C-alpha cells in the first residue's frame, strides 16, 4: 500500500480514538477508510485516463518536451502542401518537431533520430522566439516513405531533448548553449553544415557580446576548424546571439566547447547571475 494512504488511514483512526464515543470496531473503521481513499484514487485515475483519451484523439500528436517542443506526424501529406514544401515524391509522411525555446538542442536531438531511423531531414528553420528572450525557436521536419519511420524520428528527438538541454544555461540577462557530438549526421549537416561523420561542436552566447568572447576562447583553446559563425545580423533570425560551430579531432572539439562554456559562465556570474543547467550537463 502507498505510504501516503497508510498515513491518511492512521490519521482517520486517531480522530476516531479521540472522539468521546469509543464503541467502534477499529478493523472495520480501517477498512472503510481504505475503501474511501481507494475510491478517491480511482477517480483520479479516471480523470487521467480521460485526459489521455482526449490527447490520443489527435492522430497527429506524438508528444511534447523541453523548450515547449511539440512532436507531430502527418501520415499522408496533402498533395498541394507536399508540392509547396518541395518534398521528394517518394516521401508521403513527415515528422514535425517545433520548439519555442532552443534550436541547438532540437537539431542535436534530431541528429540522433536520423541515425536511428530511415528518414531524411528536409527542413530546419530557426525562428525569432525564445518566448521573448535572446534566442531562437526551431522547426525540424523529417520525411519518410513509411509513417512509422517519421513517427519514430519524432519520438527519438523528444526523448533526446532531456540530454541535449543539459548544457543550456539560462538566467535573467542571457543564456549559454553548448552542444557536442563525436559523429555528426544529416540533421547537423542540414542545420549548420556539419561535416558528416566528424566531431562537431556548437557554442552559443547571449547577449551576443558574450558569444564573441566565447567564440574567441574556443578557437584559442585547441586546434579546431570553424564551420560557421553567426551573429545578430548574419546567419540568425536577428537573435541577440553569436553562434560558432566547429569541427576537428573529437578531443579538441570537446575541449574547445568546455572552455567556451567556462568563459561564458564566468562572464554571466560577473554580471550578478547564477546560470544553471536546464537538466543535467552532458559534455
Protein backbone atom coordinates (compact mmCIF):
# COMPACT_ATOMS: atom_id res chain seq x y z
CA UNK A 1 0.00 0.00 0.00
CA UNK A 2 1.15 3.55 -0.76
CA UNK A 3 2.78 5.27 2.23
CA UNK A 4 0.55 8.31 1.80
CA UNK A 5 -2.59 6.16 2.03
CA UNK A 6 -1.28 4.40 5.15
CA UNK A 7 -0.60 7.76 6.77
CA UNK A 8 -4.07 9.01 5.98
CA UNK A 9 -5.64 5.82 7.36
CA UNK A 10 -3.77 6.25 10.63
CA UNK A 11 -4.85 9.88 10.87
CA UNK A 12 -8.50 8.91 10.42
CA UNK A 13 -8.22 6.21 13.10
CA UNK A 14 -6.60 8.71 15.50
CA UNK A 15 -9.54 11.05 15.04
CA UNK A 16 -11.94 8.25 15.93
CA UNK A 17 -9.93 7.32 19.00
CA UNK A 18 -10.04 10.92 20.20
CA UNK A 19 -13.83 11.05 19.92
CA UNK A 20 -15.92 10.61 23.06
CA UNK A 21 -17.74 7.68 21.51
CA UNK A 22 -15.31 4.74 21.86
CA UNK A 23 -17.65 1.88 20.89
CA UNK A 24 -16.49 1.09 17.39
CA UNK A 25 -14.66 -1.67 15.58
CA UNK A 26 -11.10 -0.50 14.80
CA UNK A 27 -10.58 -3.02 11.99
CA UNK A 28 -13.91 -2.05 10.44
CA UNK A 29 -13.02 1.64 10.55
CA UNK A 30 -9.66 0.98 8.90
CA UNK A 31 -11.27 -1.00 6.08
CA UNK A 32 -13.89 1.70 5.48
CA UNK A 33 -11.24 4.41 5.41
CA UNK A 34 -9.14 2.41 2.94
CA UNK A 35 -12.20 1.99 0.76
CA UNK A 36 -12.85 5.71 0.73
CA UNK A 37 -9.25 6.51 -0.15
CA UNK A 38 -9.18 3.87 -2.87
CA UNK A 39 -12.32 5.48 -4.30
CA UNK A 40 -10.52 8.83 -4.43
CA UNK A 41 -7.52 7.24 -6.15
CA UNK A 42 -9.80 5.53 -8.67
CA UNK A 43 -11.43 8.85 -9.53
CA UNK A 44 -8.00 10.43 -10.05
CA UNK A 45 -7.02 7.58 -12.38
CA UNK A 46 -10.26 8.02 -14.35
CA UNK A 47 -9.53 11.72 -14.80
CA UNK A 48 -6.03 10.92 -16.03
CA UNK A 49 -7.30 8.28 -18.46
CA UNK A 50 -9.90 10.71 -19.81
CA UNK A 51 -7.18 13.27 -20.40
CA UNK A 52 -5.06 10.70 -22.26
CA UNK A 53 -8.07 9.71 -24.35
CA UNK A 54 -8.54 13.34 -25.38
CA UNK A 55 -4.90 13.56 -26.45
CA UNK A 56 -4.94 10.24 -28.30
CA UNK A 57 -7.89 11.55 -30.31
CA UNK A 58 -5.46 13.88 -32.10
CA UNK A 59 -3.92 11.44 -34.55
CA UNK A 60 -1.07 13.78 -35.48
CA UNK A 61 0.09 14.33 -31.88
CA UNK A 62 3.15 12.35 -30.72
CA UNK A 63 4.20 14.20 -27.57
CA UNK A 64 5.97 17.23 -26.19
CA UNK A 65 9.23 18.00 -24.41
CA UNK A 66 11.55 20.66 -23.06
CA UNK A 67 11.63 24.09 -24.65
CA UNK A 68 7.88 23.91 -25.32
CA UNK A 69 8.74 21.46 -28.08
CA UNK A 70 5.87 19.63 -29.75
CA UNK A 71 6.19 16.47 -31.84
CA UNK A 72 3.68 15.78 -34.62
CA UNK A 73 3.31 13.45 -37.59
CA UNK A 74 1.33 13.57 -40.85
CA UNK A 75 0.84 10.11 -42.33
CA UNK A 76 -0.18 11.32 -45.79
CA UNK A 77 0.74 14.89 -46.65
CA UNK A 78 -1.81 16.73 -48.80
CA UNK A 79 -0.62 16.85 -52.42
CA UNK A 80 -0.75 20.66 -52.64
CA UNK A 81 1.21 21.09 -49.41
CA UNK A 82 3.62 18.35 -50.50
CA UNK A 83 4.40 20.31 -53.65
CA UNK A 84 4.79 23.67 -51.89
CA UNK A 85 7.14 22.13 -49.32
CA UNK A 86 9.30 20.78 -52.13
CA UNK A 87 9.25 17.21 -50.84
CA UNK A 88 10.60 14.33 -52.88
CA UNK A 89 7.69 12.38 -54.43
CA UNK A 90 8.87 9.17 -52.76
CA UNK A 91 8.05 10.62 -49.33
CA UNK A 92 4.43 10.58 -48.23
CA UNK A 93 4.86 11.04 -44.46
CA UNK A 94 6.53 13.73 -42.38
CA UNK A 95 7.51 14.07 -38.74
CA UNK A 96 7.46 17.59 -37.34
CA UNK A 97 9.32 18.95 -34.30
CA UNK A 98 8.83 22.56 -33.31
CA UNK A 99 10.04 24.42 -30.22
CA UNK A 100 9.51 27.88 -28.71
CA UNK A 101 12.86 27.82 -26.90
CA UNK A 102 16.04 26.37 -28.37
CA UNK A 103 17.37 25.31 -31.73
CA UNK A 104 20.63 23.51 -30.99
CA UNK A 105 19.02 21.01 -28.59
CA UNK A 106 16.30 20.10 -31.07
CA UNK A 107 18.70 19.81 -34.00
CA UNK A 108 21.22 17.79 -31.98
CA UNK A 109 18.40 15.52 -30.81
CA UNK A 110 17.16 15.26 -34.39
CA UNK A 111 20.63 14.19 -35.44
CA UNK A 112 20.30 11.15 -33.18
CA UNK A 113 16.86 10.48 -34.66
CA UNK A 114 18.26 10.42 -38.20
CA UNK A 115 20.91 7.92 -37.12
CA UNK A 116 18.22 5.66 -35.64
CA UNK A 117 15.61 5.80 -38.41
CA UNK A 118 15.15 5.62 -42.15
CA UNK A 119 14.30 9.31 -42.53
CA UNK A 120 15.67 12.41 -44.19
CA UNK A 121 15.78 15.86 -42.63
CA UNK A 122 14.20 18.00 -45.31
CA UNK A 123 13.92 21.30 -43.45
CA UNK A 124 15.43 23.09 -40.48
CA UNK A 125 14.38 26.65 -39.72
CA UNK A 126 15.25 28.96 -36.83
CA UNK A 127 12.51 31.31 -35.71
CA UNK A 128 12.94 34.51 -33.72
CA UNK A 129 11.39 33.31 -30.49
CA UNK A 130 12.65 32.00 -27.11
CA UNK A 131 9.34 33.38 -25.77
CA UNK A 132 10.68 36.94 -25.80
CA UNK A 133 14.25 36.01 -24.83
CA UNK A 134 17.52 36.50 -26.70
CA UNK A 135 17.50 33.37 -28.82
CA UNK A 136 15.67 31.17 -31.31
CA UNK A 137 12.82 28.76 -31.59
CA UNK A 138 13.04 25.96 -34.13
CA UNK A 139 11.28 23.85 -36.74
CA UNK A 140 12.66 20.47 -37.82
CA UNK A 141 10.90 18.32 -40.43
CA UNK A 142 11.69 14.65 -41.14
CA UNK A 143 10.41 12.98 -44.31
CA UNK A 144 9.87 9.25 -44.69
CA UNK A 145 8.33 6.77 -47.08
CA UNK A 146 6.71 4.98 -44.14
CA UNK A 147 4.83 6.82 -41.41
CA UNK A 148 6.33 4.54 -38.75
CA UNK A 149 9.77 5.97 -39.52
CA UNK A 150 8.50 9.55 -39.32
CA UNK A 151 6.81 8.80 -36.02
CA UNK A 152 9.90 7.10 -34.62
CA UNK A 153 12.12 10.04 -35.61
CA UNK A 154 9.89 12.42 -33.66
CA UNK A 155 9.84 10.09 -30.64
CA UNK A 156 13.63 9.80 -30.57
CA UNK A 157 14.01 13.56 -30.88
CA UNK A 158 11.67 14.29 -27.98
CA UNK A 159 13.39 11.70 -25.81
CA UNK A 160 16.85 13.12 -26.59
CA UNK A 161 15.85 16.65 -25.51
CA UNK A 162 16.41 15.81 -21.85
CA UNK A 163 20.06 15.20 -22.72
CA UNK A 164 20.62 17.96 -25.27
CA UNK A 165 19.15 20.63 -22.98
CA UNK A 166 21.74 19.63 -20.37
CA UNK A 167 24.25 22.27 -21.47
CA UNK A 168 21.74 25.05 -21.94
CA UNK A 169 22.14 27.58 -19.12
CA UNK A 170 19.66 30.38 -18.64
CA UNK A 171 19.39 33.44 -16.41
CA UNK A 172 17.75 36.88 -16.43
CA UNK A 173 20.37 38.59 -18.59
CA UNK A 174 21.00 35.92 -21.22
CA UNK A 175 21.88 32.30 -21.87
CA UNK A 176 24.63 29.91 -22.90
CA UNK A 177 24.21 26.86 -25.08
CA UNK A 178 26.81 24.20 -25.81
CA UNK A 179 26.41 21.06 -27.91
CA UNK A 180 28.88 18.32 -28.81
CA UNK A 181 28.86 15.08 -30.75
CA UNK A 182 31.68 12.77 -31.74
CA UNK A 183 29.94 11.96 -35.03
CA UNK A 184 27.71 14.46 -36.79
CA UNK A 185 24.93 13.21 -39.05
CA UNK A 186 22.44 14.68 -41.51
CA UNK A 187 20.44 16.93 -39.18
CA UNK A 188 23.54 18.84 -38.07
CA UNK A 189 24.70 18.93 -41.67
CA UNK A 190 21.35 20.37 -42.77
CA UNK A 191 21.17 22.91 -39.96
CA UNK A 192 24.78 24.01 -39.60
CA UNK A 193 26.78 22.48 -42.45
CA UNK A 194 28.50 19.99 -40.13
CA UNK A 195 30.84 17.53 -41.88
CA UNK A 196 29.06 14.18 -41.75
CA UNK A 197 30.83 11.59 -39.61
CA UNK A 198 33.14 14.10 -37.88
CA UNK A 199 33.19 15.57 -34.38
CA UNK A 200 31.13 18.73 -34.16
CA UNK A 201 30.51 21.42 -31.56
CA UNK A 202 28.06 24.30 -31.19
CA UNK A 203 28.83 27.33 -28.99
CA UNK A 204 26.16 29.95 -28.32
CA UNK A 205 26.34 33.02 -26.11
CA UNK A 206 23.65 35.61 -25.41
CA UNK A 207 23.71 38.52 -25.36
CA UNK A 208 25.86 38.41 -28.48
CA UNK A 209 28.78 40.19 -26.82
CA UNK A 210 29.32 37.18 -24.57
CA UNK A 211 29.16 34.89 -27.59
CA UNK A 212 32.00 36.74 -29.28
CA UNK A 213 34.29 36.17 -26.30
CA UNK A 214 33.21 32.53 -26.04
CA UNK A 215 33.99 32.00 -29.73
CA UNK A 216 37.43 33.54 -29.33
CA UNK A 217 38.12 31.38 -26.27
CA UNK A 218 37.07 28.21 -28.06
CA UNK A 219 39.34 28.80 -31.04
CA UNK A 220 42.34 29.63 -28.84
CA UNK A 221 41.86 26.51 -26.71
CA UNK A 222 42.54 23.76 -29.26
CA UNK A 223 43.29 23.12 -32.91
CA UNK A 224 39.78 23.13 -34.35
CA UNK A 225 38.27 24.34 -37.63
CA UNK A 226 35.47 26.90 -37.89
CA UNK A 227 32.43 25.60 -39.76
CA UNK A 228 30.23 28.67 -39.31
CA UNK A 229 29.92 31.94 -37.44
CA UNK A 230 26.55 33.68 -36.98
CA UNK A 231 25.71 37.00 -35.33
CA UNK A 232 22.56 39.12 -34.85
CA UNK A 233 22.68 40.44 -38.41
CA UNK A 234 24.19 37.46 -40.23
CA UNK A 235 23.05 33.84 -40.08
CA UNK A 236 20.43 34.24 -37.34
CA UNK A 237 16.81 35.36 -37.22
CA UNK A 238 18.14 38.62 -35.74
CA UNK A 239 18.55 36.95 -32.37
CA UNK A 240 20.82 38.54 -29.78
CA UNK A 241 23.34 35.71 -30.03
CA UNK A 242 26.67 34.73 -31.52
CA UNK A 243 26.78 31.11 -32.70
CA UNK A 244 30.07 29.41 -33.51
CA UNK A 245 30.23 25.87 -34.88
CA UNK A 246 33.47 23.91 -35.04
CA UNK A 247 34.85 20.59 -36.18
CA UNK A 248 38.12 18.67 -35.84
CA UNK A 249 39.57 15.98 -33.64
CA UNK A 250 36.98 14.74 -31.15
CA UNK A 251 39.03 15.59 -28.07
CA UNK A 252 39.93 19.04 -29.37
CA UNK A 253 36.33 19.92 -30.24
CA UNK A 254 35.08 18.81 -26.83
CA UNK A 255 37.81 20.77 -25.01
CA UNK A 256 37.05 23.92 -27.01
CA UNK A 257 33.36 23.67 -26.19
CA UNK A 258 34.08 23.17 -22.49
CA UNK A 259 36.47 26.16 -22.37
CA UNK A 260 33.87 28.36 -24.05
CA UNK A 261 31.30 27.23 -21.51
CA UNK A 262 33.59 28.10 -18.61
CA UNK A 263 34.30 31.57 -20.03
CA UNK A 264 30.61 32.30 -20.63
CA UNK A 265 29.69 31.18 -17.11
CA UNK A 266 32.29 33.48 -15.60
CA UNK A 267 31.00 36.48 -17.53
CA UNK A 268 27.38 35.86 -16.53
CA UNK A 269 28.41 35.40 -12.90
CA UNK A 270 30.37 38.67 -13.07
CA UNK A 271 27.07 40.26 -14.11
CA UNK A 272 25.49 39.04 -10.87
CA UNK A 273 23.82 35.97 -12.38
CA UNK A 274 23.85 32.30 -11.46
CA UNK A 275 23.17 30.39 -14.69
CA UNK A 276 22.03 26.80 -14.12
CA UNK A 277 21.63 23.80 -16.40
CA UNK A 278 18.14 23.12 -17.73
CA UNK A 279 18.55 19.42 -16.91
CA UNK A 280 21.95 17.77 -16.36
CA UNK A 281 25.21 18.73 -18.18
CA UNK A 282 26.38 16.03 -20.58
CA UNK A 283 29.56 17.48 -22.12
